[in-house]
Amino acid sequence: MKTAILFGFILGLAGAILFLPYKEVQHTNGVTYTDYVYPMDYVIRSLRIGVGGGVAGALYSWIKNWKK
């Protein structure tokens, strides 16, 4: 079960790093504005998704072992 939690956390964190946007781009009247997300906000959101992946891994492991 510990390995499932760890793998879920790592996969969730990797997915968050790959798919969370680190900047917001706005186009108005031919001008492009780029706002970057604060690093601490990005880290907090990535960790939140990673913890969700860990919970999903624990749930998967628990269900898999429960059926035995």
C-alpha atoms as a PDB file:
ATOM      1  CA  MET A   1       0.000   0.000   0.000  1.00  0.00           C
ATOM      2  CA  LYS A   2       2.898   2.350   0.727  1.00  0.00           C
ATOM      3  CA  THR A   3       4.285   1.915  -2.759  1.00  0.00           C
ATOM      4  CA  ALA A   4       0.879   2.604  -4.324  1.00  0.00           C
ATOM      5  CA  ILE A   5       0.624   5.857  -2.358  1.00  0.00           C
ATOM      6  CA  LEU A   6       4.153   6.840  -3.371  1.00  0.00           C
ATOM      7  CA  PHE A   7       3.617   5.974  -7.041  1.00  0.00           C
ATOM      8  CA  GLY A   8       0.276   7.816  -7.061  1.00  0.00           C
ATOM      9  CA  PHE A   9       1.920  10.880  -5.530  1.00  0.00           C
ATOM     10  CA  ILE A  10       4.796  10.823  -8.019  1.00  0.00           C
ATOM     11  CA  LEU A  11       2.492  10.340 -11.015  1.00  0.00           C
ATOM     12  CA  GLY A  12       0.141  13.065  -9.777  1.00  0.00           C
ATOM     13  CA  LEU A  13       3.032  15.460  -9.240  1.00  0.00           C
ATOM     14  CA  ALA A  14       4.507  14.679 -12.663  1.00  0.00           C
ATOM     15  CA  GLY A  15       1.139  15.242 -14.313  1.00  0.00           C
ATOM     16  CA  ALA A  16       0.707  18.521 -12.476  1.00  0.00           C
ATOM     17  CA  ILE A  17       4.133  19.757 -13.535  1.00  0.00           C
ATOM     18  CA  LEU A  18       3.423  18.815 -17.143  1.00  0.00           C
ATOM     19  CA  PHE A  19      -0.113  20.155 -17.470  1.00  0.00           C
ATOM     20  CA  LEU A  20      -0.543  23.053 -15.031  1.00  0.00           C
ATOM     21  CA  PRO A  21      -0.141  26.388 -16.775  1.00  0.00           C
ATOM     22  CA  TYR A  22       2.627  28.578 -15.346  1.00  0.00           C
ATOM     23  CA  LYS A  23       1.521  31.697 -17.229  1.00  0.00           C
ATOM     24  CA  GLU A  24      -1.662  33.384 -18.352  1.00  0.00           C
ATOM     25  CA  VAL A  25      -1.750  35.088 -21.740  1.00  0.00           C
ATOM     26  CA  GLN A  26      -4.330  37.756 -22.578  1.00  0.00           C
ATOM     27  CA  HIS A  27      -4.853  39.288 -26.015  1.00  0.00           C
ATOM     28  CA  THR A  28      -6.554  42.696 -26.124  1.00  0.00           C
ATOM     29  CA  ASN A  29      -6.589  45.128 -29.048  1.00  0.00           C
ATOM     30  CA  GLY A  30      -3.571  43.553 -30.695  1.00  0.00           C
ATOM     31  CA  VAL A  31      -1.512  43.681 -27.491  1.00  0.00           C
ATOM     32  CA  THR A  32      -0.448  40.523 -25.680  1.00  0.00           C
ATOM     33  CA  TYR A  33      -0.168  40.557 -21.891  1.00  0.00           C
ATOM     34  CA  THR A  34       1.655  37.716 -20.150  1.00  0.00           C
ATOM     35  CA  ASP A  35       1.208  37.195 -16.410  1.00  0.00           C
ATOM     36  CA  TYR A  36       3.297  34.525 -14.722  1.00  0.00           C
ATOM     37  CA  VAL A  37       1.936  32.551 -11.789  1.00  0.00           C
ATOM     38  CA  TYR A  38       3.792  33.146  -8.526  1.00  0.00           C
ATOM     39  CA  PRO A  39       6.184  30.244  -7.841  1.00  0.00           C
ATOM     40  CA  MET A  40       4.681  29.451  -4.431  1.00  0.00           C
ATOM     41  CA  ASP A  41       1.167  29.302  -5.911  1.00  0.00           C
ATOM     42  CA  TYR A  42       2.418  26.945  -8.619  1.00  0.00           C
ATOM     43  CA  VAL A  43       4.116  24.695  -6.051  1.00  0.00           C
ATOM     44  CA  ILE A  44       1.020  24.614  -3.816  1.00  0.00           C
ATOM     45  CA  ARG A  45      -1.254  23.684  -6.734  1.00  0.00           C
ATOM     46  CA  SER A  46       1.194  21.012  -7.920  1.00  0.00           C
ATOM     47  CA  LEU A  47       1.455  19.483  -4.453  1.00  0.00           C
ATOM     48  CA  ARG A  48      -2.321  19.507  -4.081  1.00  0.00           C
ATOM     49  CA  ILE A  49      -2.667  17.474  -7.273  1.00  0.00           C
ATOM     50  CA  GLY A  50       0.169  15.185  -6.165  1.00  0.00           C
ATOM     51  CA  VAL A  51      -1.573  14.487  -2.852  1.00  0.00           C
ATOM     52  CA  GLY A  52      -4.753  13.733  -4.780  1.00  0.00           C
ATOM     53  CA  GLY A  53      -2.791  11.204  -6.815  1.00  0.00           C
ATOM     54  CA  GLY A  54      -1.487   9.652  -3.599  1.00  0.00           C
ATOM     55  CA  VAL A  55      -5.021   9.325  -2.251  1.00  0.00           C
ATOM     56  CA  ALA A  56      -6.134   7.760  -5.528  1.00  0.00           C
ATOM     57  CA  GLY A  57      -3.217   5.298  -5.325  1.00  0.00           C
ATOM     58  CA  ALA A  58      -4.144   4.386  -1.741  1.00  0.00           C
ATOM     59  CA  LEU A  59      -7.771   3.879  -2.737  1.00  0.00           C
ATOM     60  CA  TYR A  60      -6.734   1.697  -5.670  1.00  0.00           C
ATOM     61  CA  SER A  61      -4.459  -0.385  -3.457  1.00  0.00           C
ATOM     62  CA  TRP A  62      -7.131  -0.741  -0.775  1.00  0.00           C
ATOM     63  CA  ILE A  63      -9.759  -1.891  -3.278  1.00  0.00           C
ATOM     64  CA  LYS A  64      -7.311  -4.293  -4.933  1.00  0.00           C
ATOM     65  CA  ASN A  65      -6.384  -5.884  -1.580  1.00  0.00           C
ATOM     66  CA  TRP A  66      -9.999  -5.888  -0.336  1.00  0.00           C
ATOM     67  CA  LYS A  67     -11.165  -8.100  -3.197  1.00  0.00           C
ATOM     68  CA  LYS A  68      -8.639 -10.836  -2.295  1.00  0.00           C
END
